[in-house]
């Protein structure tokens, strides 16, 4: 590859890197929600898979059944995480022209 070709390739890589940084910043502003127990437990997560908020309906709080509440929280977090992964994969696949990106799942 000649210098002109290398320069063009480097510019393409720099452009892709800038686009990826923008997508990652945009993902931080996107929010998904996971729920469990008929919306008794809700977890909000951003597109970077960071938990933003956990809401628990007081009716589901039973000091004699803490295990059930723990299971509902885990279920809501896992659902929000799956949605955040899907959002991230969708956003990044746009950058790759629809090609699957390894390590995004």
C-alpha atoms as a PDB file:
ATOM      1  CA  UNK A   1       0.000   0.000   0.000  1.00  0.00           C
ATOM      2  CA  UNK A   2       1.399   3.386  -0.948  1.00  0.00           C
ATOM      3  CA  UNK A   3       1.479   6.438   1.338  1.00  0.00           C
ATOM      4  CA  UNK A   4      -1.646   7.923  -0.236  1.00  0.00           C
ATOM      5  CA  UNK A   5      -3.544   4.713   0.475  1.00  0.00           C
ATOM      6  CA  UNK A   6      -2.226   4.584   4.044  1.00  0.00           C
ATOM      7  CA  UNK A   7      -3.258   8.200   4.604  1.00  0.00           C
ATOM      8  CA  UNK A   8      -6.767   7.461   3.318  1.00  0.00           C
ATOM      9  CA  UNK A   9      -7.016   4.361   5.532  1.00  0.00           C
ATOM     10  CA  UNK A  10      -5.834   6.308   8.579  1.00  0.00           C
ATOM     11  CA  UNK A  11      -8.459   9.001   7.960  1.00  0.00           C
ATOM     12  CA  UNK A  12     -11.178   6.337   7.697  1.00  0.00           C
ATOM     13  CA  UNK A  13     -10.049   4.779  10.979  1.00  0.00           C
ATOM     14  CA  UNK A  14     -10.024   8.184  12.684  1.00  0.00           C
ATOM     15  CA  UNK A  15     -13.522   8.904  11.352  1.00  0.00           C
ATOM     16  CA  UNK A  16     -14.806   5.549  12.628  1.00  0.00           C
ATOM     17  CA  UNK A  17     -13.209   6.183  16.012  1.00  0.00           C
ATOM     18  CA  UNK A  18     -14.900   9.588  16.271  1.00  0.00           C
ATOM     19  CA  UNK A  19     -18.239   8.044  15.277  1.00  0.00           C
ATOM     20  CA  UNK A  20     -17.794   5.284  17.876  1.00  0.00           C
ATOM     21  CA  UNK A  21     -17.081   7.847  20.591  1.00  0.00           C
ATOM     22  CA  UNK A  22     -20.231   9.748  19.595  1.00  0.00           C
ATOM     23  CA  UNK A  23     -22.305   6.560  19.694  1.00  0.00           C
ATOM     24  CA  UNK A  24     -20.939   5.711  23.141  1.00  0.00           C
ATOM     25  CA  UNK A  25     -21.775   9.206  24.385  1.00  0.00           C
ATOM     26  CA  UNK A  26     -25.270   8.920  22.887  1.00  0.00           C
ATOM     27  CA  UNK A  27     -25.754   5.542  24.597  1.00  0.00           C
ATOM     28  CA  UNK A  28     -25.127   7.211  27.925  1.00  0.00           C
ATOM     29  CA  UNK A  29     -28.214   9.360  27.266  1.00  0.00           C
ATOM     30  CA  UNK A  30     -30.431   6.423  26.248  1.00  0.00           C
ATOM     31  CA  UNK A  31     -32.459   4.723  28.980  1.00  0.00           C
ATOM     32  CA  UNK A  32     -34.001   1.262  29.096  1.00  0.00           C
ATOM     33  CA  UNK A  33     -36.133  -0.223  31.826  1.00  0.00           C
ATOM     34  CA  UNK A  34     -36.443  -3.707  33.224  1.00  0.00           C
ATOM     35  CA  UNK A  35     -39.377  -4.759  35.369  1.00  0.00           C
ATOM     36  CA  UNK A  36     -40.388  -7.717  37.487  1.00  0.00           C
ATOM     37  CA  UNK A  37     -43.310  -8.748  39.625  1.00  0.00           C
ATOM     38  CA  UNK A  38     -45.885  -6.956  37.488  1.00  0.00           C
ATOM     39  CA  UNK A  39     -43.913  -3.681  37.610  1.00  0.00           C
ATOM     40  CA  UNK A  40     -43.471  -3.925  41.386  1.00  0.00           C
ATOM     41  CA  UNK A  41     -39.715  -3.637  40.819  1.00  0.00           C
ATOM     42  CA  UNK A  42     -38.341  -1.352  38.099  1.00  0.00           C
ATOM     43  CA  UNK A  43     -34.730  -0.796  37.126  1.00  0.00           C
ATOM     44  CA  UNK A  44     -33.600   1.987  34.788  1.00  0.00           C
ATOM     45  CA  UNK A  45     -30.290   1.517  33.007  1.00  0.00           C
ATOM     46  CA  UNK A  46     -28.509   3.595  30.404  1.00  0.00           C
ATOM     47  CA  UNK A  47     -27.177   2.274  27.116  1.00  0.00           C
ATOM     48  CA  UNK A  48     -23.737   1.876  28.677  1.00  0.00           C
ATOM     49  CA  UNK A  49     -25.234  -0.697  31.061  1.00  0.00           C
ATOM     50  CA  UNK A  50     -25.036   1.519  34.134  1.00  0.00           C
ATOM     51  CA  UNK A  51     -27.913   1.223  36.609  1.00  0.00           C
ATOM     52  CA  UNK A  52     -29.476   4.651  37.005  1.00  0.00           C
ATOM     53  CA  UNK A  53     -32.417   3.953  39.269  1.00  0.00           C
ATOM     54  CA  UNK A  54     -34.183   1.182  41.177  1.00  0.00           C
ATOM     55  CA  UNK A  55     -37.829   1.622  42.179  1.00  0.00           C
ATOM     56  CA  UNK A  56     -39.540  -0.820  44.527  1.00  0.00           C
ATOM     57  CA  UNK A  57     -43.263  -0.703  45.230  1.00  0.00           C
ATOM     58  CA  UNK A  58     -43.697  -0.749  49.031  1.00  0.00           C
ATOM     59  CA  UNK A  59     -46.309  -3.498  48.677  1.00  0.00           C
ATOM     60  CA  UNK A  60     -43.623  -5.956  47.592  1.00  0.00           C
ATOM     61  CA  UNK A  61     -41.487  -5.287  50.676  1.00  0.00           C
ATOM     62  CA  UNK A  62     -42.106  -8.126  53.122  1.00  0.00           C
ATOM     63  CA  UNK A  63     -39.514  -8.558  55.839  1.00  0.00           C
ATOM     64  CA  UNK A  64     -40.540 -12.211  56.108  1.00  0.00           C
ATOM     65  CA  UNK A  65     -39.818 -12.823  52.405  1.00  0.00           C
ATOM     66  CA  UNK A  66     -36.685 -10.845  51.559  1.00  0.00           C
ATOM     67  CA  UNK A  67     -35.638 -13.604  49.153  1.00  0.00           C
ATOM     68  CA  UNK A  68     -38.584 -12.877  46.853  1.00  0.00           C
ATOM     69  CA  UNK A  69     -37.658  -9.174  46.703  1.00  0.00           C
ATOM     70  CA  UNK A  70     -34.044 -10.066  45.946  1.00  0.00           C
ATOM     71  CA  UNK A  71     -35.177 -12.337  43.100  1.00  0.00           C
ATOM     72  CA  UNK A  72     -37.395  -9.590  41.667  1.00  0.00           C
ATOM     73  CA  UNK A  73     -34.516  -7.105  41.740  1.00  0.00           C
ATOM     74  CA  UNK A  74     -32.214  -9.573  39.989  1.00  0.00           C
ATOM     75  CA  UNK A  75     -34.878 -10.270  37.348  1.00  0.00           C
ATOM     76  CA  UNK A  76     -35.473  -6.558  36.699  1.00  0.00           C
ATOM     77  CA  UNK A  77     -31.735  -5.818  36.479  1.00  0.00           C
ATOM     78  CA  UNK A  78     -31.205  -8.717  34.087  1.00  0.00           C
ATOM     79  CA  UNK A  79     -34.078  -7.584  31.869  1.00  0.00           C
ATOM     80  CA  UNK A  80     -32.750  -4.010  31.773  1.00  0.00           C
ATOM     81  CA  UNK A  81     -29.266  -5.342  31.015  1.00  0.00           C
ATOM     82  CA  UNK A  82     -30.561  -7.397  28.078  1.00  0.00           C
ATOM     83  CA  UNK A  83     -32.321  -4.327  26.682  1.00  0.00           C
ATOM     84  CA  UNK A  84     -29.167  -2.201  27.124  1.00  0.00           C
ATOM     85  CA  UNK A  85     -27.064  -4.824  25.325  1.00  0.00           C
ATOM     86  CA  UNK A  86     -29.570  -4.895  22.449  1.00  0.00           C
ATOM     87  CA  UNK A  87     -29.545  -1.084  22.262  1.00  0.00           C
ATOM     88  CA  UNK A  88     -25.748  -1.007  22.290  1.00  0.00           C
ATOM     89  CA  UNK A  89     -25.477  -3.743  19.667  1.00  0.00           C
ATOM     90  CA  UNK A  90     -27.981  -1.977  17.427  1.00  0.00           C
ATOM     91  CA  UNK A  91     -26.160   1.352  17.750  1.00  0.00           C
ATOM     92  CA  UNK A  92     -22.722  -0.115  17.097  1.00  0.00           C
ATOM     93  CA  UNK A  93     -23.928  -2.217  14.162  1.00  0.00           C
ATOM     94  CA  UNK A  94     -24.896   1.011  12.392  1.00  0.00           C
ATOM     95  CA  UNK A  95     -21.235   2.009  12.564  1.00  0.00           C
ATOM     96  CA  UNK A  96     -20.164  -1.338  11.123  1.00  0.00           C
ATOM     97  CA  UNK A  97     -22.685  -1.159   8.308  1.00  0.00           C
ATOM     98  CA  UNK A  98     -24.829  -3.890   9.775  1.00  0.00           C
ATOM     99  CA  UNK A  99     -21.980  -6.348  10.259  1.00  0.00           C
ATOM    100  CA  UNK A 100     -22.037  -8.176  13.595  1.00  0.00           C
ATOM    101  CA  UNK A 101     -19.340  -6.934  15.932  1.00  0.00           C
ATOM    102  CA  UNK A 102     -17.521  -9.508  18.055  1.00  0.00           C
ATOM    103  CA  UNK A 103     -17.774  -9.031  21.794  1.00  0.00           C
ATOM    104  CA  UNK A 104     -20.912  -6.891  21.670  1.00  0.00           C
ATOM    105  CA  UNK A 105     -23.226  -9.579  22.983  1.00  0.00           C
END
